[in-house]
Protein backbone atom coordinates (compact mmCIF):
# COMPACT_ATOMS: atom_id res chain seq x y z
CA UNK A 1 -99.04 -59.03 -52.82
CA UNK A 2 -96.57 -61.84 -53.29
CA UNK A 3 -92.90 -60.83 -53.33
CA UNK A 4 -90.33 -63.11 -54.91
CA UNK A 5 -87.37 -63.64 -52.59
CA UNK A 6 -83.94 -65.09 -53.20
CA UNK A 7 -80.56 -64.94 -51.43
CA UNK A 8 -79.35 -62.78 -54.34
CA UNK A 9 -82.02 -60.17 -53.68
CA UNK A 10 -81.12 -60.23 -49.99
CA UNK A 11 -77.43 -59.86 -50.80
CA UNK A 12 -78.00 -56.92 -53.15
CA UNK A 13 -80.04 -55.15 -50.48
CA UNK A 14 -77.46 -55.77 -47.75
CA UNK A 15 -74.66 -54.51 -49.96
CA UNK A 16 -76.31 -51.09 -49.99
CA UNK A 17 -76.33 -50.84 -46.20
CA UNK A 18 -73.60 -49.63 -43.87
CA UNK A 19 -69.90 -48.99 -44.21
CA UNK A 20 -67.56 -51.23 -46.17
CA UNK A 21 -64.42 -49.98 -44.41
CA UNK A 22 -64.33 -52.16 -41.28
CA UNK A 23 -62.38 -55.02 -42.82
CA UNK A 24 -60.96 -53.22 -45.85
CA UNK A 25 -57.28 -53.59 -44.93
CA UNK A 26 -57.49 -57.28 -44.10
CA UNK A 27 -59.69 -58.18 -47.05
CA UNK A 28 -57.42 -56.24 -49.42
CA UNK A 29 -54.42 -58.08 -48.01
CA UNK A 30 -56.20 -61.38 -48.63
CA UNK A 31 -56.88 -60.33 -52.21
CA UNK A 32 -53.22 -59.38 -52.70
CA UNK A 33 -52.11 -62.75 -51.34
CA UNK A 34 -54.63 -64.59 -53.49
CA UNK A 35 -56.35 -66.25 -50.52
CA UNK A 36 -60.08 -66.42 -49.77
CA UNK A 37 -61.56 -64.29 -47.02
CA UNK A 38 -64.91 -63.82 -45.36
CA UNK A 39 -67.17 -61.41 -47.24
CA UNK A 40 -68.31 -58.16 -45.63
CA UNK A 41 -71.93 -59.17 -45.02
CA UNK A 42 -70.88 -62.50 -43.53
CA UNK A 43 -68.44 -60.61 -41.28
CA UNK A 44 -71.30 -58.44 -40.06
CA UNK A 45 -73.46 -61.49 -39.35
CA UNK A 46 -70.67 -63.14 -37.33
CA UNK A 47 -69.96 -59.91 -35.45
CA UNK A 48 -73.63 -59.49 -34.54
CA UNK A 49 -74.00 -63.06 -33.29
CA UNK A 50 -70.82 -62.80 -31.22
CA UNK A 51 -71.92 -59.44 -29.77
CA UNK A 52 -75.10 -61.12 -28.52
CA UNK A 53 -73.40 -64.28 -27.22
CA UNK A 54 -70.35 -62.51 -25.71
CA UNK A 55 -68.39 -65.79 -25.56
CA UNK A 56 -65.64 -66.16 -22.99
CA UNK A 57 -63.73 -68.54 -25.29
CA UNK A 58 -63.93 -68.65 -29.08
CA UNK A 59 -62.24 -70.69 -31.77
CA UNK A 60 -61.76 -69.86 -35.46
CA UNK A 61 -60.86 -72.97 -37.48
CA UNK A 62 -59.54 -72.14 -40.94
CA UNK A 63 -58.83 -68.57 -39.89
CA UNK A 64 -56.74 -67.72 -42.97
CA UNK A 65 -55.10 -64.33 -42.54
CA UNK A 66 -57.65 -63.30 -39.92
CA UNK A 67 -60.71 -61.67 -41.48
CA UNK A 68 -63.12 -64.00 -39.66
CA UNK A 69 -61.11 -63.65 -36.45
CA UNK A 70 -61.46 -59.88 -36.69
CA UNK A 71 -65.22 -60.31 -37.09
CA UNK A 72 -65.27 -62.31 -33.85
CA UNK A 73 -63.11 -59.82 -31.97
CA UNK A 74 -65.16 -56.89 -33.19
CA UNK A 75 -68.26 -58.60 -31.78
CA UNK A 76 -66.67 -59.15 -28.37
CA UNK A 77 -63.13 -57.79 -27.90
CA UNK A 78 -62.70 -59.58 -24.57
CA UNK A 79 -63.16 -63.12 -25.85
CA UNK A 80 -60.14 -65.44 -25.63
CA UNK A 81 -59.77 -66.42 -29.27
CA UNK A 82 -57.98 -69.52 -30.53
CA UNK A 83 -57.19 -69.29 -34.25
CA UNK A 84 -56.22 -72.40 -36.23
CA UNK A 85 -54.98 -72.76 -39.81
CA UNK A 86 -52.67 -75.20 -41.54
CA UNK A 87 -51.20 -72.79 -44.10
CA UNK A 88 -47.75 -71.41 -43.25
CA UNK A 89 -47.93 -68.21 -45.34
CA UNK A 90 -51.33 -67.26 -44.00
CA UNK A 91 -50.21 -68.10 -40.49
CA UNK A 92 -47.20 -65.80 -40.67
CA UNK A 93 -49.40 -62.94 -41.81
CA UNK A 94 -51.94 -63.68 -39.08
CA UNK A 95 -49.34 -63.78 -36.31
CA UNK A 96 -47.81 -60.49 -37.44
CA UNK A 97 -51.17 -58.73 -37.79
CA UNK A 98 -52.49 -59.88 -34.40
CA UNK A 99 -49.19 -59.76 -32.51
CA UNK A 100 -50.45 -57.10 -30.09
CA UNK A 101 -53.65 -58.98 -29.21
CA UNK A 102 -52.95 -60.61 -25.85
CA UNK A 103 -56.20 -62.61 -25.97
CA UNK A 104 -55.46 -64.29 -29.33
CA UNK A 105 -53.58 -67.60 -29.67
CA UNK A 106 -52.58 -69.03 -33.05
CA UNK A 107 -51.91 -72.68 -33.97
CA UNK A 108 -50.57 -73.72 -37.33
CA UNK A 109 -52.22 -77.10 -37.87
CA UNK A 110 -55.28 -78.67 -39.42
CA UNK A 111 -58.51 -78.12 -37.55
CA UNK A 112 -59.18 -81.82 -37.00
CA UNK A 113 -55.67 -82.31 -35.64
CA UNK A 114 -56.09 -79.42 -33.20
CA UNK A 115 -59.46 -80.63 -31.93
CA UNK A 116 -58.00 -84.08 -31.27
CA UNK A 117 -55.34 -82.58 -29.00
CA UNK A 118 -57.02 -79.72 -27.16
CA UNK A 119 -58.74 -80.01 -23.79
CA UNK A 120 -60.28 -76.53 -24.00
CA UNK A 121 -64.00 -75.90 -24.23
CA UNK A 122 -65.56 -73.10 -26.25
CA UNK A 123 -68.61 -70.86 -26.24
CA UNK A 124 -68.36 -69.87 -29.91
CA UNK A 125 -66.78 -71.44 -32.99
CA UNK A 126 -66.40 -70.31 -36.58
CA UNK A 127 -65.50 -72.99 -39.14
CA UNK A 128 -64.25 -72.31 -42.67
CA UNK A 129 -62.25 -75.28 -43.92
CA UNK A 130 -62.56 -77.91 -46.65
CA UNK A 131 -66.31 -78.47 -46.88
CA UNK A 132 -66.15 -82.26 -47.05
CA UNK A 133 -64.48 -82.17 -43.61
CA UNK A 134 -67.36 -80.32 -41.94
CA UNK A 135 -69.09 -83.42 -40.55
CA UNK A 136 -65.85 -84.81 -39.11
CA UNK A 137 -64.93 -81.48 -37.55
CA UNK A 138 -68.41 -81.19 -36.03
CA UNK A 139 -68.07 -84.61 -34.38
CA UNK A 140 -64.75 -83.56 -32.84
CA UNK A 141 -65.94 -80.07 -31.91
CA UNK A 142 -69.26 -80.93 -30.29
CA UNK A 143 -67.72 -82.45 -27.11
CA UNK A 144 -65.57 -79.33 -26.80
CA UNK A 145 -68.54 -76.95 -26.59
CA UNK A 146 -69.93 -75.40 -23.44
CA UNK A 147 -73.64 -75.27 -22.71
CA UNK A 148 -75.50 -72.81 -24.99
CA UNK A 149 -72.49 -72.55 -27.31
CA UNK A 150 -72.94 -71.31 -30.88
CA UNK A 151 -71.14 -72.62 -33.98
CA UNK A 152 -71.10 -71.15 -37.49
CA UNK A 153 -70.03 -73.05 -40.61
CA UNK A 154 -69.18 -70.83 -43.59
CA UNK A 155 -70.10 -71.33 -47.28
CA UNK A 156 -72.63 -74.01 -46.43
CA UNK A 157 -74.58 -73.48 -49.68
CA UNK A 158 -71.58 -74.13 -51.98
CA UNK A 159 -72.49 -71.44 -54.50
CA UNK A 160 -76.13 -72.54 -54.25
CA UNK A 161 -75.44 -76.06 -55.52
CA UNK A 162 -76.83 -77.71 -52.38
CA UNK A 163 -80.22 -76.40 -53.49
CA UNK A 164 -79.86 -77.92 -56.99
CA UNK A 165 -80.24 -81.45 -58.23
CA UNK A 166 -76.98 -83.35 -58.61
CA UNK A 167 -77.47 -83.49 -62.38
CA UNK A 168 -77.54 -79.67 -62.40
CA UNK A 169 -74.30 -79.42 -60.41
CA UNK A 170 -70.89 -79.20 -62.15
CA UNK A 171 -68.99 -82.45 -61.74
CA UNK A 172 -66.19 -80.92 -59.65
CA UNK A 173 -68.72 -79.85 -56.99
CA UNK A 174 -70.87 -82.99 -56.92
CA UNK A 175 -68.93 -84.85 -54.23
CA UNK A 176 -68.76 -81.79 -51.96
CA UNK A 177 -72.44 -81.11 -52.56
CA UNK A 178 -73.44 -84.61 -51.45
CA UNK A 179 -71.31 -84.52 -48.31
CA UNK A 180 -72.36 -81.02 -47.29
CA UNK A 181 -76.02 -81.80 -47.97
CA UNK A 182 -75.75 -84.91 -45.78
CA UNK A 183 -74.15 -82.76 -43.09
CA UNK A 184 -76.98 -80.21 -43.27
CA UNK A 185 -79.55 -83.01 -42.89
CA UNK A 186 -77.53 -84.44 -39.99
CA UNK A 187 -77.68 -81.10 -38.17
CA UNK A 188 -81.33 -80.31 -38.82
CA UNK A 189 -82.45 -83.80 -37.79
CA UNK A 190 -80.64 -83.57 -34.43
CA UNK A 191 -83.23 -82.73 -31.74
CA UNK A 192 -80.51 -81.51 -29.38
CA UNK A 193 -79.67 -78.59 -31.67
CA UNK A 194 -81.15 -75.35 -32.92
CA UNK A 195 -80.04 -74.65 -36.49
CA UNK A 196 -80.56 -71.94 -39.08
CA UNK A 197 -79.11 -71.14 -42.50
CA UNK A 198 -78.37 -67.42 -42.88
CA UNK A 199 -78.53 -66.47 -46.60
CA UNK A 200 -75.58 -64.09 -46.88
CA UNK A 201 -72.79 -64.64 -49.39
CA UNK A 202 -72.07 -68.39 -49.53
CA UNK A 203 -74.48 -69.10 -46.68
CA UNK A 204 -73.80 -69.48 -42.96
CA UNK A 205 -75.03 -72.49 -41.00
CA UNK A 206 -75.64 -71.35 -37.44
CA UNK A 207 -75.93 -74.07 -34.77
CA UNK A 208 -76.63 -73.66 -31.07
CA UNK A 209 -76.91 -76.31 -28.39
CA UNK A 210 -80.26 -76.57 -26.64
């Protein structure tokens, strides 16, 4: 029997599984502040990957108020997490919320700017910034990764438009669609990488170094 599959079917099924309380406070705060945050199923995916990798050093670029950072810390509480975001209001909330976490460092600056200045190397990275900047961030991040590191880029499907023809894509998303699609091809054509798209919420692009 053939079964029709789509990310929407997968999402509906996942929504019926497990508890929705793990990130409730942070995600509600994000809603109150009117800022985007990582969806519950994407949080679970990040947490599971981190729990397997158990990275010594992690970085969250575009951390917002900290939902994605919490997903990382839940996966491996002992990781040394560097969180980066250029927004002052979100940064103040983040620093207050995570003030008792001795293994979390926060930097208020753009991700590209931070990567140009840091000498640290990382075992895990989560990226959720302006989508047209993904390729540039990847080029700066790659030399800062340790062997067998894992990187996740959020919302890689851009509401599903990367799977549509450009003529079927609203004009305001066409430029982002082209650049993200080129980035996806760049990653999947690189023989030094393992890559997978995880179809939860806006789509996660998972990359690991061979």
